[in-house]
PDB file of N, CA and C in Angstrom:
ATOM      1  N   MET A   1     113.203  87.213  82.318  1.00  0.00           N
ATOM      2  CA  MET A   1     113.730  87.715  83.563  1.00  0.00           C
ATOM      3  C   MET A   1     112.927  87.182  84.741  1.00  0.00           C
ATOM      4  N   ALA A   2     111.675  86.851  84.556  1.00  0.00           N
ATOM      5  CA  ALA A   2     110.850  86.353  85.653  1.00  0.00           C
ATOM      6  C   ALA A   2     111.432  85.077  86.254  1.00  0.00           C
ATOM      7  N   ALA A   3     112.040  84.246  85.419  1.00  0.00           N
ATOM      8  CA  ALA A   3     112.628  83.010  85.926  1.00  0.00           C
ATOM      9  C   ALA A   3     113.746  83.296  86.920  1.00  0.00           C
ATOM     10  N   ALA A   4     114.486  84.365  86.701  1.00  0.00           N
ATOM     11  CA  ALA A   4     115.574  84.713  87.628  1.00  0.00           C
ATOM     12  C   ALA A   4     115.018  85.033  89.012  1.00  0.00           C
ATOM     13  N   TYR A   5     113.864  85.691  89.078  1.00  0.00           N
ATOM     14  CA  TYR A   5     113.275  86.020  90.370  1.00  0.00           C
ATOM     15  C   TYR A   5     112.843  84.762  91.109  1.00  0.00           C
ATOM     16  N   LYS A   6     112.365  83.753  90.400  1.00  0.00           N
ATOM     17  CA  LYS A   6     111.919  82.516  91.029  1.00  0.00           C
ATOM     18  C   LYS A   6     113.077  81.765  91.677  1.00  0.00           C
ATOM     19  N   ASN A   7     114.286  81.935  91.142  1.00  0.00           N
ATOM     20  CA  ASN A   7     115.447  81.202  91.636  1.00  0.00           C
ATOM     21  C   ASN A   7     116.113  81.856  92.834  1.00  0.00           C
ATOM     22  N   ARG A   8     115.627  82.992  93.284  1.00  0.00           N
ATOM     23  CA  ARG A   8     116.242  83.679  94.410  1.00  0.00           C
ATOM     24  C   ARG A   8     115.957  82.952  95.715  1.00  0.00           C
ATOM     25  N   ASN A   9     116.989  82.874  96.559  1.00  0.00           N
ATOM     26  CA  ASN A   9     116.829  82.248  97.869  1.00  0.00           C
ATOM     27  C   ASN A   9     116.435  83.255  98.940  1.00  0.00           C
ATOM     28  N   SER A  10     116.757  84.530  98.728  1.00  0.00           N
ATOM     29  CA  SER A  10     116.414  85.554  99.710  1.00  0.00           C
ATOM     30  C   SER A  10     115.924  86.802  98.989  1.00  0.00           C
ATOM     31  N   ASP A  11     115.051  87.552  99.657  1.00  0.00           N
ATOM     32  CA  ASP A  11     114.471  88.750  99.065  1.00  0.00           C
ATOM     33  C   ASP A  11     115.512  89.842  98.930  1.00  0.00           C
ATOM     34  N   ARG A  12     115.420  90.562  97.827  1.00  0.00           N
ATOM     35  CA  ARG A  12     116.295  91.712  97.620  1.00  0.00           C
ATOM     36  C   ARG A  12     115.722  92.907  98.372  1.00  0.00           C
ATOM     37  N   LYS A  13     116.610  93.718  98.922  1.00  0.00           N
ATOM     38  CA  LYS A  13     116.244  94.942  99.633  1.00  0.00           C
ATOM     39  C   LYS A  13     116.669  96.131  98.793  1.00  0.00           C
ATOM     40  N   LYS A  14     115.818  97.151  98.716  1.00  0.00           N
ATOM     41  CA  LYS A  14     116.143  98.367  97.980  1.00  0.00           C
ATOM     42  C   LYS A  14     117.290  99.091  98.672  1.00  0.00           C
ATOM     43  N   VAL A  15     118.302  99.458  97.895  1.00  0.00           N
ATOM     44  CA  VAL A  15     119.446 100.213  98.391  1.00  0.00           C
ATOM     45  C   VAL A  15     119.852 101.212  97.303  1.00  0.00           C
ATOM     46  N   ASP A  16     120.764 102.071  97.628  1.00  0.00           N
ATOM     47  CA  ASP A  16     121.352 102.995  96.651  1.00  0.00           C
ATOM     48  C   ASP A  16     122.814 103.140  97.040  1.00  0.00           C
ATOM     49  N   ILE A  17     123.642 102.227  96.528  1.00  0.00           N
ATOM     50  CA  ILE A  17     125.040 102.141  96.936  1.00  0.00           C
ATOM     51  C   ILE A  17     125.934 102.362  95.726  1.00  0.00           C
ATOM     52  N   GLU A  18     126.835 103.311  95.841  1.00  0.00           N
ATOM     53  CA  GLU A  18     127.838 103.505  94.803  1.00  0.00           C
ATOM     54  C   GLU A  18     128.915 102.448  94.999  1.00  0.00           C
ATOM     55  N   GLY A  19     129.235 101.760  93.935  1.00  0.00           N
ATOM     56  CA  GLY A  19     130.256 100.725  94.005  1.00  0.00           C
ATOM     57  C   GLY A  19     131.056 100.695  92.718  1.00  0.00           C
ATOM     58  N   PHE A  20     131.792  99.615  92.544  1.00  0.00           N
ATOM     59  CA  PHE A  20     132.599  99.435  91.334  1.00  0.00           C
ATOM     60  C   PHE A  20     132.484  97.985  90.900  1.00  0.00           C
ATOM     61  N   TYR A  21     132.588  97.757  89.595  1.00  0.00           N
ATOM     62  CA  TYR A  21     132.663  96.399  89.088  1.00  0.00           C
ATOM     63  C   TYR A  21     133.948  96.261  88.285  1.00  0.00           C
ATOM     64  N   ASN A  22     134.497  95.066  88.315  1.00  0.00           N
ATOM     65  CA  ASN A  22     135.740  94.781  87.622  1.00  0.00           C
ATOM     66  C   ASN A  22     135.454  93.805  86.515  1.00  0.00           C
ATOM     67  N   TYR A  23     135.897  94.163  85.330  1.00  0.00           N
ATOM     68  CA  TYR A  23     135.746  93.274  84.190  1.00  0.00           C
ATOM     69  C   TYR A  23     136.941  93.518  83.277  1.00  0.00           C
ATOM     70  N   ALA A  24     137.614  92.485  82.889  1.00  0.00           N
ATOM     71  CA  ALA A  24     138.780  92.579  82.005  1.00  0.00           C
ATOM     72  C   ALA A  24     139.855  93.480  82.612  1.00  0.00           C
ATOM     73  N   THR A  25     140.145  93.306  83.868  1.00  0.00           N
ATOM     74  CA  THR A  25     141.203  93.981  84.631  1.00  0.00           C
ATOM     75  C   THR A  25     140.976  95.472  84.887  1.00  0.00           C
ATOM     76  N   GLN A  26     139.808  96.012  84.598  1.00  0.00           N
ATOM     77  CA  GLN A  26     139.521  97.422  84.846  1.00  0.00           C
ATOM     78  C   GLN A  26     138.381  97.555  85.853  1.00  0.00           C
ATOM     79  N   TRP A  27     138.424  98.586  86.708  1.00  0.00           N
ATOM     80  CA  TRP A  27     137.339  98.890  87.634  1.00  0.00           C
ATOM     81  C   TRP A  27     136.516 100.033  87.053  1.00  0.00           C
ATOM     82  N   TYR A  28     135.187  99.878  87.081  1.00  0.00           N
ATOM     83  CA  TYR A  28     134.260 100.875  86.556  1.00  0.00           C
ATOM     84  C   TYR A  28     133.204 101.178  87.623  1.00  0.00           C
ATOM     85  N   PRO A  29     132.701 102.417  87.669  1.00  0.00           N
ATOM     86  CA  PRO A  29     131.664 102.743  88.661  1.00  0.00           C
ATOM     87  C   PRO A  29     130.323 102.094  88.313  1.00  0.00           C
ATOM     88  N   CYS A  30     129.555 101.793  89.342  1.00  0.00           N
ATOM     89  CA  CYS A  30     128.201 101.262  89.163  1.00  0.00           C
ATOM     90  C   CYS A  30     127.360 101.678  90.366  1.00  0.00           C
ATOM     91  N   THR A  31     126.063 101.460  90.266  1.00  0.00           N
ATOM     92  CA  THR A  31     125.157 101.708  91.380  1.00  0.00           C
ATOM     93  C   THR A  31     124.420 100.419  91.694  1.00  0.00           C
ATOM     94  N   LEU A  32     124.474  99.993  92.951  1.00  0.00           N
ATOM     95  CA  LEU A  32     123.694  98.839  93.390  1.00  0.00           C
ATOM     96  C   LEU A  32     122.323  99.356  93.811  1.00  0.00           C
ATOM     97  N   ASN A  33     121.271  98.862  93.137  1.00  0.00           N
ATOM     98  CA  ASN A  33     119.903  99.305  93.416  1.00  0.00           C
ATOM     99  C   ASN A  33     119.156  98.396  94.374  1.00  0.00           C
ATOM    100  N   ASP A  34     119.512  97.120  94.363  1.00  0.00           N
ATOM    101  CA  ASP A  34     118.934  96.193  95.332  1.00  0.00           C
ATOM    102  C   ASP A  34     119.981  95.160  95.680  1.00  0.00           C
ATOM    103  N   LEU A  35     119.821  94.574  96.871  1.00  0.00           N
ATOM    104  CA  LEU A  35     120.876  93.720  97.402  1.00  0.00           C
ATOM    105  C   LEU A  35     120.278  92.659  98.318  1.00  0.00           C
ATOM    106  N   SER A  36     120.828  91.464  98.230  1.00  0.00           N
ATOM    107  CA  SER A  36     120.523  90.379  99.170  1.00  0.00           C
ATOM    108  C   SER A  36     121.812  89.616  99.392  1.00  0.00           C
ATOM    109  N   THR A  37     121.771  88.642 100.274  1.00  0.00           N
ATOM    110  CA  THR A  37     122.973  87.839 100.506  1.00  0.00           C
ATOM    111  C   THR A  37     123.279  86.939  99.309  1.00  0.00           C
ATOM    112  N   ASP A  38     122.315  86.794  98.398  1.00  0.00           N
ATOM    113  CA  ASP A  38     122.495  85.941  97.225  1.00  0.00           C
ATOM    114  C   ASP A  38     122.858  86.690  95.959  1.00  0.00           C
ATOM    115  N   GLY A  39     122.621  88.023  95.917  1.00  0.00           N
ATOM    116  CA  GLY A  39     122.887  88.739  94.683  1.00  0.00           C
ATOM    117  C   GLY A  39     122.509  90.204  94.770  1.00  0.00           C
ATOM    118  N   ALA A  40     122.545  90.855  93.600  1.00  0.00           N
ATOM    119  CA  ALA A  40     122.284  92.290  93.560  1.00  0.00           C
ATOM    120  C   ALA A  40     121.747  92.685  92.194  1.00  0.00           C
ATOM    121  N   GLY A  41     121.103  93.847  92.170  1.00  0.00           N
ATOM    122  CA  GLY A  41     120.697  94.490  90.934  1.00  0.00           C
ATOM    123  C   GLY A  41     121.574  95.719  90.764  1.00  0.00           C
ATOM    124  N   LEU A  42     122.163  95.886  89.583  1.00  0.00           N
ATOM    125  CA  LEU A  42     123.112  96.962  89.335  1.00  0.00           C
ATOM    126  C   LEU A  42     122.699  97.799  88.142  1.00  0.00           C
ATOM    127  N   LYS A  43     123.078  99.055  88.182  1.00  0.00           N
ATOM    128  CA  LYS A  43     122.984  99.907  87.003  1.00  0.00           C
ATOM    129  C   LYS A  43     124.404 100.141  86.535  1.00  0.00           C
ATOM    130  N   ILE A  44     124.671  99.804  85.276  1.00  0.00           N
ATOM    131  CA  ILE A  44     126.028  99.879  84.730  1.00  0.00           C
ATOM    132  C   ILE A  44     125.993 100.497  83.343  1.00  0.00           C
ATOM    133  N   ASN A  45     127.151 100.772  82.805  1.00  0.00           N
ATOM    134  CA  ASN A  45     127.262 101.319  81.449  1.00  0.00           C
ATOM    135  C   ASN A  45     128.120 100.417  80.578  1.00  0.00           C
ATOM    136  N   GLN A  46     127.807  99.135  80.598  1.00  0.00           N
ATOM    137  CA  GLN A  46     128.552  98.166  79.804  1.00  0.00           C
ATOM    138  C   GLN A  46     127.621  97.020  79.467  1.00  0.00           C
ATOM    139  N   ILE A  47     127.884  96.367  78.366  1.00  0.00           N
ATOM    140  CA  ILE A  47     127.039  95.253  77.945  1.00  0.00           C
ATOM    141  C   ILE A  47     127.597  93.950  78.499  1.00  0.00           C
ATOM    142  N   PHE A  48     126.724  93.188  79.149  1.00  0.00           N
ATOM    143  CA  PHE A  48     127.056  91.857  79.650  1.00  0.00           C
ATOM    144  C   PHE A  48     126.019  90.875  79.147  1.00  0.00           C
ATOM    145  N   VAL A  49     126.335  89.612  79.236  1.00  0.00           N
ATOM    146  CA  VAL A  49     125.382  88.551  78.921  1.00  0.00           C
ATOM    147  C   VAL A  49     125.317  87.613  80.117  1.00  0.00           C
ATOM    148  N   PRO A  50     124.173  86.949  80.306  1.00  0.00           N
ATOM    149  CA  PRO A  50     124.083  85.984  81.405  1.00  0.00           C
ATOM    150  C   PRO A  50     125.230  84.978  81.344  1.00  0.00           C
ATOM    151  N   GLY A  51     125.815  84.731  82.511  1.00  0.00           N
ATOM    152  CA  GLY A  51     126.940  83.808  82.604  1.00  0.00           C
ATOM    153  C   GLY A  51     128.281  84.508  82.743  1.00  0.00           C
ATOM    154  N   ASP A  52     128.360  85.805  82.372  1.00  0.00           N
ATOM    155  CA  ASP A  52     129.606  86.544  82.560  1.00  0.00           C
ATOM    156  C   ASP A  52     129.951  86.591  84.046  1.00  0.00           C
ATOM    157  N   ILE A  53     131.232  86.544  84.357  1.00  0.00           N
ATOM    158  CA  ILE A  53     131.717  86.635  85.734  1.00  0.00           C
ATOM    159  C   ILE A  53     132.305  88.037  85.925  1.00  0.00           C
ATOM    160  N   ILE A  54     131.850  88.718  86.975  1.00  0.00           N
ATOM    161  CA  ILE A  54     132.399  90.023  87.311  1.00  0.00           C
ATOM    162  C   ILE A  54     132.716  90.048  88.801  1.00  0.00           C
ATOM    163  N   ARG A  55     133.486  91.043  89.208  1.00  0.00           N
ATOM    164  CA  ARG A  55     133.743  91.250  90.624  1.00  0.00           C
ATOM    165  C   ARG A  55     133.163  92.607  91.000  1.00  0.00           C
ATOM    166  N   LEU A  56     132.528  92.671  92.152  1.00  0.00           N
ATOM    167  CA  LEU A  56     131.958  93.923  92.662  1.00  0.00           C
ATOM    168  C   LEU A  56     132.735  94.366  93.886  1.00  0.00           C
ATOM    169  N   ARG A  57     132.936  95.664  94.015  1.00  0.00           N
ATOM    170  CA  ARG A  57     133.545  96.227  95.224  1.00  0.00           C
ATOM    171  C   ARG A  57     132.557  97.233  95.794  1.00  0.00           C
ATOM    172  N   PHE A  58     132.101  96.967  97.010  1.00  0.00           N
ATOM    173  CA  PHE A  58     131.148  97.855  97.671  1.00  0.00           C
ATOM    174  C   PHE A  58     131.272  97.685  99.169  1.00  0.00           C
ATOM    175  N   GLY A  59     130.586  98.515  99.900  1.00  0.00           N
ATOM    176  CA  GLY A  59     130.618  98.431 101.349  1.00  0.00           C
ATOM    177  C   GLY A  59     130.181  99.741 101.953  1.00  0.00           C
ATOM    178  N   PHE A  60     130.651 100.007 103.152  1.00  0.00           N
ATOM    179  CA  PHE A  60     130.306 101.254 103.815  1.00  0.00           C
ATOM    180  C   PHE A  60     131.475 101.697 104.673  1.00  0.00           C
ATOM    181  N   HIS A  61     131.546 103.001 104.898  1.00  0.00           N
ATOM    182  CA  HIS A  61     132.648 103.612 105.638  1.00  0.00           C
ATOM    183  C   HIS A  61     133.968 103.177 104.998  1.00  0.00           C
ATOM    184  N   ASP A  62     134.884 102.693 105.786  1.00  0.00           N
ATOM    185  CA  ASP A  62     136.179 102.258 105.259  1.00  0.00           C
ATOM    186  C   ASP A  62     136.211 100.764 104.945  1.00  0.00           C
ATOM    187  N   ASP A  63     135.101 100.086 105.109  1.00  0.00           N
ATOM    188  CA  ASP A  63     135.050  98.635 104.897  1.00  0.00           C
ATOM    189  C   ASP A  63     134.442  98.329 103.525  1.00  0.00           C
ATOM    190  N   LYS A  64     135.289  98.292 102.508  1.00  0.00           N
ATOM    191  CA  LYS A  64     134.874  97.933 101.150  1.00  0.00           C
ATOM    192  C   LYS A  64     135.450  96.550 100.853  1.00  0.00           C
ATOM    193  N   ARG A  65     134.629  95.697 100.263  1.00  0.00           N
ATOM    194  CA  ARG A  65     135.090  94.341  99.955  1.00  0.00           C
ATOM    195  C   ARG A  65     134.757  93.985  98.516  1.00  0.00           C
ATOM    196  N   VAL A  66     135.451  92.979  98.020  1.00  0.00           N
ATOM    197  CA  VAL A  66     135.236  92.496  96.661  1.00  0.00           C
ATOM    198  C   VAL A  66     134.468  91.182  96.733  1.00  0.00           C
ATOM    199  N   VAL A  67     133.399  91.097  95.949  1.00  0.00           N
ATOM    200  CA  VAL A  67     132.559  89.907  95.903  1.00  0.00           C
ATOM    201  C   VAL A  67     132.465  89.455  94.450  1.00  0.00           C
ATOM    202  N   GLU A  68     132.712  88.179  94.198  1.00  0.00           N
ATOM    203  CA  GLU A  68     132.581  87.647  92.844  1.00  0.00           C
ATOM    204  C   GLU A  68     131.113  87.374  92.548  1.00  0.00           C
ATOM    205  N   ALA A  69     130.706  87.680  91.324  1.00  0.00           N
ATOM    206  CA  ALA A  69     129.303  87.523  90.950  1.00  0.00           C
ATOM    207  C   ALA A  69     129.184  87.008  89.520  1.00  0.00           C
ATOM    208  N   THR A  70     128.086  86.302  89.268  1.00  0.00           N
ATOM    209  CA  THR A  70     127.763  85.814  87.929  1.00  0.00           C
ATOM    210  C   THR A  70     126.539  86.570  87.429  1.00  0.00           C
ATOM    211  N   VAL A  71     126.622  87.094  86.220  1.00  0.00           N
ATOM    212  CA  VAL A  71     125.482  87.807  85.639  1.00  0.00           C
ATOM    213  C   VAL A  71     124.355  86.807  85.408  1.00  0.00           C
ATOM    214  N   ALA A  72     123.182  87.098  85.992  1.00  0.00           N
ATOM    215  CA  ALA A  72     122.030  86.196  85.885  1.00  0.00           C
ATOM    216  C   ALA A  72     121.027  86.688  84.842  1.00  0.00           C
ATOM    217  N   ASN A  73     120.856  88.026  84.748  1.00  0.00           N
ATOM    218  CA  ASN A  73     119.931  88.572  83.754  1.00  0.00           C
ATOM    219  C   ASN A  73     120.362  89.974  83.380  1.00  0.00           C
ATOM    220  N   VAL A  74     119.919  90.398  82.191  1.00  0.00           N
ATOM    221  CA  VAL A  74     120.294  91.694  81.646  1.00  0.00           C
ATOM    222  C   VAL A  74     119.047  92.373  81.106  1.00  0.00           C
ATOM    223  N   ASN A  75     118.901  93.664  81.444  1.00  0.00           N
ATOM    224  CA  ASN A  75     117.791  94.463  80.932  1.00  0.00           C
ATOM    225  C   ASN A  75     118.326  95.868  80.667  1.00  0.00           C
ATOM    226  N   GLY A  76     118.917  96.077  79.495  1.00  0.00           N
ATOM    227  CA  GLY A  76     119.519  97.366  79.165  1.00  0.00           C
ATOM    228  C   GLY A  76     120.731  97.628  80.024  1.00  0.00           C
ATOM    229  N   THR A  77     120.708  98.776  80.737  1.00  0.00           N
ATOM    230  CA  THR A  77     121.835  99.134  81.598  1.00  0.00           C
ATOM    231  C   THR A  77     121.698  98.538  82.994  1.00  0.00           C
ATOM    232  N   ARG A  78     120.675  97.736  83.197  1.00  0.00           N
ATOM    233  CA  ARG A  78     120.449  97.105  84.506  1.00  0.00           C
ATOM    234  C   ARG A  78     120.730  95.616  84.385  1.00  0.00           C
ATOM    235  N   ILE A  79     121.542  95.093  85.323  1.00  0.00           N
ATOM    236  CA  ILE A  79     121.819  93.660  85.331  1.00  0.00           C
ATOM    237  C   ILE A  79     121.545  93.107  86.718  1.00  0.00           C
ATOM    238  N   GLY A  80     121.211  91.836  86.760  1.00  0.00           N
ATOM    239  CA  GLY A  80     121.080  91.110  88.012  1.00  0.00           C
ATOM    240  C   GLY A  80     122.232  90.130  88.113  1.00  0.00           C
ATOM    241  N   VAL A  81     122.840  90.069  89.284  1.00  0.00           N
ATOM    242  CA  VAL A  81     123.965  89.158  89.483  1.00  0.00           C
ATOM    243  C   VAL A  81     123.696  88.251  90.671  1.00  0.00           C
ATOM    244  N   ARG A  82     124.319  87.089  90.646  1.00  0.00           N
ATOM    245  CA  ARG A  82     124.199  86.096  91.711  1.00  0.00           C
ATOM    246  C   ARG A  82     125.564  85.946  92.376  1.00  0.00           C
ATOM    247  N   PHE A  83     125.568  85.940  93.707  1.00  0.00           N
ATOM    248  CA  PHE A  83     126.811  85.778  94.466  1.00  0.00           C
ATOM    249  C   PHE A  83     127.018  84.318  94.840  1.00  0.00           C
ATOM    250  N   SER A  84     128.284  83.930  94.949  1.00  0.00           N
ATOM    251  CA  SER A  84     128.681  82.677  95.596  1.00  0.00           C
ATOM    252  C   SER A  84     129.615  83.103  96.722  1.00  0.00           C
ATOM    253  N   VAL A  85     129.076  83.199  97.927  1.00  0.00           N
ATOM    254  CA  VAL A  85     129.862  83.754  99.030  1.00  0.00           C
ATOM    255  C   VAL A  85     129.870  82.825 100.237  1.00  0.00           C
ATOM    256  N   ASP A  86     130.892  82.994 101.046  1.00  0.00           N
ATOM    257  CA  ASP A  86     131.006  82.226 102.284  1.00  0.00           C
ATOM    258  C   ASP A  86     130.220  82.932 103.400  1.00  0.00           C
ATOM    259  N   ASN A  87     130.155  82.319 104.564  1.00  0.00           N
ATOM    260  CA  ASN A  87     129.380  82.876 105.684  1.00  0.00           C
ATOM    261  C   ASN A  87     129.887  84.238 106.132  1.00  0.00           C
ATOM    262  N   LEU A  88     131.195  84.439 106.125  1.00  0.00           N
ATOM    263  CA  LEU A  88     131.770  85.719 106.538  1.00  0.00           C
ATOM    264  C   LEU A  88     131.331  86.839 105.589  1.00  0.00           C
ATOM    265  N   THR A  89     131.355  86.557 104.280  1.00  0.00           N
ATOM    266  CA  THR A  89     130.923  87.546 103.302  1.00  0.00           C
ATOM    267  C   THR A  89     129.418  87.772 103.389  1.00  0.00           C
ATOM    268  N   GLN A  90     128.647  86.725 103.663  1.00  0.00           N
ATOM    269  CA  GLN A  90     127.206  86.902 103.852  1.00  0.00           C
ATOM    270  C   GLN A  90     126.927  87.842 105.020  1.00  0.00           C
ATOM    271  N   ASP A  91     127.675  87.703 106.103  1.00  0.00           N
ATOM    272  CA  ASP A  91     127.508  88.599 107.252  1.00  0.00           C
ATOM    273  C   ASP A  91     127.832  90.042 106.857  1.00  0.00           C
ATOM    274  N   PHE A  92     128.872  90.229 106.057  1.00  0.00           N
ATOM    275  CA  PHE A  92     129.228  91.558 105.568  1.00  0.00           C
ATOM    276  C   PHE A  92     128.089  92.145 104.731  1.00  0.00           C
ATOM    277  N   VAL A  93     127.544  91.352 103.803  1.00  0.00           N
ATOM    278  CA  VAL A  93     126.448  91.830 102.944  1.00  0.00           C
ATOM    279  C   VAL A  93     125.232  92.185 103.798  1.00  0.00           C
ATOM    280  N   LYS A  94     124.928  91.382 104.812  1.00  0.00           N
ATOM    281  CA  LYS A  94     123.811  91.702 105.713  1.00  0.00           C
ATOM    282  C   LYS A  94     124.034  93.042 106.408  1.00  0.00           C
ATOM    283  N   ALA A  95     125.264  93.311 106.835  1.00  0.00           N
ATOM    284  CA  ALA A  95     125.572  94.589 107.489  1.00  0.00           C
ATOM    285  C   ALA A  95     125.408  95.748 106.510  1.00  0.00           C
ATOM    286  N   VAL A  96     125.814  95.552 105.268  1.00  0.00           N
ATOM    287  CA  VAL A  96     125.636  96.597 104.251  1.00  0.00           C
ATOM    288  C   VAL A  96     124.156  96.842 104.007  1.00  0.00           C
ATOM    289  N   ILE A  97     123.371  95.780 103.909  1.00  0.00           N
ATOM    290  CA  ILE A  97     121.927  95.927 103.709  1.00  0.00           C
ATOM    291  C   ILE A  97     121.321  96.722 104.867  1.00  0.00           C
ATOM    292  N   SER A  98     121.696  96.387 106.086  1.00  0.00           N
ATOM    293  CA  SER A  98     121.166  97.106 107.255  1.00  0.00           C
ATOM    294  C   SER A  98     121.519  98.582 107.218  1.00  0.00           C
ATOM    295  N   ALA A  99     122.714  98.895 106.741  1.00  0.00           N
ATOM    296  CA  ALA A  99     123.160 100.289 106.707  1.00  0.00           C
ATOM    297  C   ALA A  99     122.496 101.093 105.596  1.00  0.00           C
ATOM    298  N   PHE A 100     122.133 100.447 104.482  1.00  0.00           N
ATOM    299  CA  PHE A 100     121.652 101.177 103.315  1.00  0.00           C
ATOM    300  C   PHE A 100     120.209 100.897 102.913  1.00  0.00           C
ATOM    301  N   HIS A 101     119.549  99.939 103.544  1.00  0.00           N
ATOM    302  CA  HIS A 101     118.190  99.555 103.123  1.00  0.00           C
ATOM    303  C   HIS A 101     117.247 100.746 103.138  1.00  0.00           C
ATOM    304  N   LYS A 102     116.519 100.918 102.021  1.00  0.00           N
ATOM    305  CA  LYS A 102     115.524 101.978 101.901  1.00  0.00           C
ATOM    306  C   LYS A 102     114.152 101.325 101.904  1.00  0.00           C
ATOM    307  N   PRO A 103     113.408 101.418 103.003  1.00  0.00           N
ATOM    308  CA  PRO A 103     112.104 100.773 103.031  1.00  0.00           C
ATOM    309  C   PRO A 103     111.213 101.287 101.915  1.00  0.00           C
ATOM    310  N   THR A 104     110.445 100.386 101.339  1.00  0.00           N
ATOM    311  CA  THR A 104     109.497 100.760 100.311  1.00  0.00           C
ATOM    312  C   THR A 104     108.334 101.482 100.973  1.00  0.00           C
ATOM    313  N   SER A 105     107.975 102.631 100.428  1.00  0.00           N
ATOM    314  CA  SER A 105     106.846 103.361 101.001  1.00  0.00           C
ATOM    315  C   SER A 105     105.541 102.764 100.477  1.00  0.00           C
ATOM    316  N   PHE A 106     104.537 102.840 101.310  1.00  0.00           N
ATOM    317  CA  PHE A 106     103.231 102.350 100.903  1.00  0.00           C
ATOM    318  C   PHE A 106     102.180 103.229 101.552  1.00  0.00           C
ATOM    319  N   ARG A 107     100.999 103.208 100.945  1.00  0.00           N
ATOM    320  CA  ARG A 107      99.894 104.007 101.478  1.00  0.00           C
ATOM    321  C   ARG A 107      98.853 103.075 102.058  1.00  0.00           C
ATOM    322  N   ARG A 108      98.351 103.492 103.185  1.00  0.00           N
ATOM    323  CA  ARG A 108      97.263 102.719 103.787  1.00  0.00           C
ATOM    324  C   ARG A 108      95.970 103.043 103.052  1.00  0.00           C
ATOM    325  N   PRO A 109      95.137 102.055 102.897  1.00  0.00           N
ATOM    326  CA  PRO A 109      93.838 102.325 102.264  1.00  0.00           C
ATOM    327  C   PRO A 109      93.016 103.273 103.131  1.00  0.00           C
ATOM    328  N   SER A 110      92.311 104.157 102.481  1.00  0.00           N
ATOM    329  CA  SER A 110      91.467 105.120 103.218  1.00  0.00           C
ATOM    330  C   SER A 110      90.179 104.510 103.675  1.00  0.00           C
TER     331      SER A 110
END
């Protein structure tokens, strides 16, 4: 899985977004745990292998969109996916990140 992190073009941001994934003509619920313009980390209840193609539907308010993704890595119920998106979709993903980003807490040294 470490190799997948090296191939990322942009940093993932922590989020907690309820969404859906489509596989074999069915939509299933999922949770997006991290997100970037290049991909996402998801918690799902289905088995995938790297290379599988899925579609994700997520967004905010009334603006939900479908993004095609390729499974990049699998770790139990958590998968990492890579997006192939155009500039308009990248702008949408950036807006979603801004709306849902959860800053990582840290402690200052005493």
